[in-house]
C-alpha atoms as a PDB file:
ATOM      1  CA  MET A   1     151.180  96.607 104.062  1.00  0.00           C
ATOM      2  CA  ASN A   2     149.739  94.226 101.582  1.00  0.00           C
ATOM      3  CA  ARG A   3     146.378  94.985  99.684  1.00  0.00           C
ATOM      4  CA  ARG A   4     144.450  92.132 101.677  1.00  0.00           C
ATOM      5  CA  ARG A   5     145.690  93.626 104.906  1.00  0.00           C
ATOM      6  CA  THR A   6     144.656  97.181 103.760  1.00  0.00           C
ATOM      7  CA  TYR A   7     141.492  96.127 102.729  1.00  0.00           C
ATOM      8  CA  ARG A   8     140.423  94.408 105.816  1.00  0.00           C
ATOM      9  CA  ARG A   9     141.718  97.493 107.884  1.00  0.00           C
ATOM     10  CA  LEU A  10     139.236  99.697 105.579  1.00  0.00           C
ATOM     11  CA  HIS A  11     136.597  97.403 105.781  1.00  0.00           C
ATOM     12  CA  TYR A  12     136.934  97.028 109.710  1.00  0.00           C
ATOM     13  CA  GLU A  13     137.078 100.905 110.210  1.00  0.00           C
ATOM     14  CA  THR A  14     133.862 101.254 107.915  1.00  0.00           C
ATOM     15  CA  LEU A  15     131.855  98.679 109.860  1.00  0.00           C
ATOM     16  CA  LYS A  16     132.965 100.513 113.195  1.00  0.00           C
ATOM     17  CA  ARG A  17     131.828 103.665 111.869  1.00  0.00           C
ATOM     18  CA  MET A  18     128.535 102.237 110.663  1.00  0.00           C
ATOM     19  CA  ARG A  19     127.779 100.963 114.359  1.00  0.00           C
ATOM     20  CA  GLU A  20     128.769 104.324 115.866  1.00  0.00           C
ATOM     21  CA  TYR A  21     126.342 106.129 113.520  1.00  0.00           C
ATOM     22  CA  ASP A  22     122.830 106.449 115.189  1.00  0.00           C
ATOM     23  CA  ILE A  23     120.393 107.462 112.325  1.00  0.00           C
ATOM     24  CA  THR A  24     117.584 107.913 114.900  1.00  0.00           C
ATOM     25  CA  HIS A  25     119.683 110.451 116.900  1.00  0.00           C
ATOM     26  CA  HIS A  26     120.341 112.351 113.710  1.00  0.00           C
ATOM     27  CA  TRP A  27     116.727 112.478 112.660  1.00  0.00           C
ATOM     28  CA  GLU A  28     115.518 113.506 116.103  1.00  0.00           C
ATOM     29  CA  ALA A  29     117.928 116.330 116.026  1.00  0.00           C
ATOM     30  CA  TYR A  30     116.788 117.863 112.911  1.00  0.00           C
ATOM     31  CA  ALA A  31     113.066 116.708 113.152  1.00  0.00           C
ATOM     32  CA  SER A  32     111.817 120.280 113.537  1.00  0.00           C
ATOM     33  CA  GLU A  33     113.876 121.878 110.796  1.00  0.00           C
ATOM     34  CA  TRP A  34     113.180 118.940 108.421  1.00  0.00           C
ATOM     35  CA  THR A  35     109.359 119.277 109.158  1.00  0.00           C
ATOM     36  CA  SER A  36     109.286 123.002 108.567  1.00  0.00           C
ATOM     37  CA  TRP A  37     111.358 122.464 105.292  1.00  0.00           C
ATOM     38  CA  ALA A  38     109.354 119.598 104.051  1.00  0.00           C
ATOM     39  CA  ARG A  39     106.041 121.486 104.505  1.00  0.00           C
ATOM     40  CA  THR A  40     107.123 124.364 102.534  1.00  0.00           C
ATOM     41  CA  PRO A  41     106.002 124.210  98.951  1.00  0.00           C
ATOM     42  CA  ASP A  42     108.202 124.129  96.067  1.00  0.00           C
ATOM     43  CA  HIS A  43     111.387 123.680  98.414  1.00  0.00           C
ATOM     44  CA  ASP A  44     112.501 120.532  97.245  1.00  0.00           C
ATOM     45  CA  GLU A  45     111.999 118.024  94.529  1.00  0.00           C
ATOM     46  CA  TYR A  46     108.971 116.302  95.882  1.00  0.00           C
ATOM     47  CA  TRP A  47     106.774 119.213  94.882  1.00  0.00           C
ATOM     48  CA  SER A  48     108.052 119.177  91.160  1.00  0.00           C
ATOM     49  CA  TYR A  49     106.938 115.601  90.580  1.00  0.00           C
ATOM     50  CA  ARG A  50     104.019 115.500  93.006  1.00  0.00           C
ATOM     51  CA  ASP A  51     101.242 115.437  90.434  1.00  0.00           C
ATOM     52  CA  GLN A  52     103.360 112.604  88.304  1.00  0.00           C
ATOM     53  CA  PHE A  53     103.231 110.654  91.674  1.00  0.00           C
ATOM     54  CA  ARG A  54      99.780 110.808  92.228  1.00  0.00           C
ATOM     55  CA  GLU A  55      99.094 109.541  88.752  1.00  0.00           C
ATOM     56  CA  PHE A  56     101.557 106.914  89.211  1.00  0.00           C
ATOM     57  CA  VAL A  57     100.256 105.178  92.048  1.00  0.00           C
ATOM     58  CA  PRO A  58      97.893 102.314  91.902  1.00  0.00           C
ATOM     59  CA  THR A  59      94.301 102.516  93.070  1.00  0.00           C
ATOM     60  CA  PRO A  60      93.807 102.344  96.762  1.00  0.00           C
ATOM     61  CA  GLY A  61      93.821  98.664  98.056  1.00  0.00           C
ATOM     62  CA  THR A  62      93.236  97.213 101.418  1.00  0.00           C
ATOM     63  CA  ALA A  63      96.408  98.952 103.020  1.00  0.00           C
ATOM     64  CA  THR A  64      99.350 101.142 101.855  1.00  0.00           C
ATOM     65  CA  LEU A  65     102.501 101.217 103.710  1.00  0.00           C
ATOM     66  CA  GLU A  66     104.795 104.132 103.863  1.00  0.00           C
ATOM     67  CA  VAL A  67     108.474 103.524 105.095  1.00  0.00           C
ATOM     68  CA  GLY A  68     110.271 106.470 106.163  1.00  0.00           C
ATOM     69  CA  CYS A  69     107.609 108.687 106.440  1.00  0.00           C
ATOM     70  CA  GLY A  70     109.148 111.681 108.014  1.00  0.00           C
ATOM     71  CA  GLU A  71     106.524 114.293 108.753  1.00  0.00           C
ATOM     72  CA  GLY A  72     104.120 112.845 106.702  1.00  0.00           C
ATOM     73  CA  ARG A  73     103.679 114.713 103.486  1.00  0.00           C
ATOM     74  CA  VAL A  74     103.592 111.577 101.131  1.00  0.00           C
ATOM     75  CA  SER A  75     101.316 109.791 103.453  1.00  0.00           C
ATOM     76  CA  ARG A  76      98.874 112.845 103.500  1.00  0.00           C
ATOM     77  CA  ASP A  77      98.934 112.670  99.434  1.00  0.00           C
ATOM     78  CA  LEU A  78      98.405 108.780  99.619  1.00  0.00           C
ATOM     79  CA  THR A  79      95.436 109.350 102.099  1.00  0.00           C
ATOM     80  CA  ALA A  80      93.785 112.022 100.202  1.00  0.00           C
ATOM     81  CA  LEU A  81      93.718 109.493  97.307  1.00  0.00           C
ATOM     82  CA  GLY A  82      91.733 107.270  99.304  1.00  0.00           C
ATOM     83  CA  HIS A  83      94.884 104.845 100.296  1.00  0.00           C
ATOM     84  CA  HIS A  84      94.365 103.250 103.956  1.00  0.00           C
ATOM     85  CA  VAL A  85      97.836 104.329 104.878  1.00  0.00           C
ATOM     86  CA  THR A  86     100.240 102.933 107.557  1.00  0.00           C
ATOM     87  CA  ALA A  87     103.236 105.148 108.092  1.00  0.00           C
ATOM     88  CA  VAL A  88     106.556 104.298 109.676  1.00  0.00           C
ATOM     89  CA  ASP A  89     109.724 106.218 110.417  1.00  0.00           C
ATOM     90  CA  LEU A  90     112.617 105.644 113.164  1.00  0.00           C
ATOM     91  CA  SER A  91     112.152 109.394 114.456  1.00  0.00           C
ATOM     92  CA  PRO A  92     109.587 109.692 117.374  1.00  0.00           C
ATOM     93  CA  SER A  93     109.316 113.400 116.565  1.00  0.00           C
ATOM     94  CA  LEU A  94     108.618 113.122 113.008  1.00  0.00           C
ATOM     95  CA  VAL A  95     106.020 110.275 113.442  1.00  0.00           C
ATOM     96  CA  ALA A  96     104.618 112.531 116.125  1.00  0.00           C
ATOM     97  CA  ALA A  97     104.428 115.307 113.450  1.00  0.00           C
ATOM     98  CA  ALA A  98     102.802 113.054 110.931  1.00  0.00           C
ATOM     99  CA  GLN A  99     100.365 111.648 113.439  1.00  0.00           C
ATOM    100  CA  GLU A 100      99.604 115.718 114.368  1.00  0.00           C
ATOM    101  CA  ALA A 101      98.830 116.446 110.556  1.00  0.00           C
ATOM    102  CA  GLY A 102      96.784 113.489 110.263  1.00  0.00           C
ATOM    103  CA  SER A 103      98.968 112.083 107.682  1.00  0.00           C
ATOM    104  CA  ALA A 104      97.878 108.249 108.016  1.00  0.00           C
ATOM    105  CA  GLY A 105      95.357 106.192 109.509  1.00  0.00           C
ATOM    106  CA  ARG A 106      98.172 104.772 111.626  1.00  0.00           C
ATOM    107  CA  CYS A 107     101.573 106.108 112.210  1.00  0.00           C
ATOM    108  CA  TYR A 108     104.464 104.045 114.241  1.00  0.00           C
ATOM    109  CA  VAL A 109     107.770 104.435 115.583  1.00  0.00           C
ATOM    110  CA  ALA A 110     109.374 101.452 113.854  1.00  0.00           C
ATOM    111  CA  ASP A 111     112.577 100.213 111.980  1.00  0.00           C
ATOM    112  CA  ALA A 112     111.689  99.144 108.613  1.00  0.00           C
ATOM    113  CA  ALA A 113     114.228  96.285 108.780  1.00  0.00           C
ATOM    114  CA  LEU A 114     112.972  94.970 112.026  1.00  0.00           C
ATOM    115  CA  SER A 115     109.220  95.673 112.340  1.00  0.00           C
ATOM    116  CA  GLN A 116     106.718  92.752 112.288  1.00  0.00           C
ATOM    117  CA  ALA A 117     104.230  95.493 111.389  1.00  0.00           C
ATOM    118  CA  LEU A 118     105.645  95.776 108.016  1.00  0.00           C
ATOM    119  CA  THR A 119     104.956  92.196 106.960  1.00  0.00           C
ATOM    120  CA  SER A 120     101.274  91.769 108.241  1.00  0.00           C
ATOM    121  CA  THR A 121      98.288  93.829 109.501  1.00  0.00           C
ATOM    122  CA  ASN A 122      95.331  91.351 110.430  1.00  0.00           C
ATOM    123  CA  GLY A 123      96.767  89.007 108.087  1.00  0.00           C
ATOM    124  CA  SER A 124      96.197  91.086 104.786  1.00  0.00           C
ATOM    125  CA  GLY A 125      99.864  92.580 104.588  1.00  0.00           C
ATOM    126  CA  PHE A 126     100.569  95.810 102.415  1.00  0.00           C
ATOM    127  CA  PRO A 127      99.858  95.470  98.632  1.00  0.00           C
ATOM    128  CA  SER A 128     101.142  98.687  98.212  1.00  0.00           C
ATOM    129  CA  PHE A 129     104.477  99.991  99.547  1.00  0.00           C
ATOM    130  CA  TYR A 130     106.090 103.213  99.135  1.00  0.00           C
ATOM    131  CA  GLY A 131     109.650 104.368 100.507  1.00  0.00           C
ATOM    132  CA  PHE A 132     111.342 107.463  99.773  1.00  0.00           C
ATOM    133  CA  ALA A 133     114.758 108.876 100.655  1.00  0.00           C
ATOM    134  CA  PRO A 134     115.260 112.805 101.352  1.00  0.00           C
END
């Protein structure tokens, strides 16, 4: 088999696996565990740089967006600093956990790549944007 054909086959197989992988299903399956884990102080790296993060973020503006909010810990910190936070995540269970904890003024189940909510709220947009990966 020549290289081009091998590459095409591998590329096709990778794309096929990506379509079959459902990230929302994954986070829904582990939402309870993630919520417990994320809310345990000093359990992961966030707690080690939390103070520096708070110093790094700009002063609150008209709107701040957190994409991939999970259970809402970063949104809670931003809200505590005076930000008007809109938090979004693909997982309904994680968004519910963020809402129950009062993490943000608004919490939505949304796909960051597709959501119109990310580009505008009442025409003002989001001057501050935060996205974190676990």
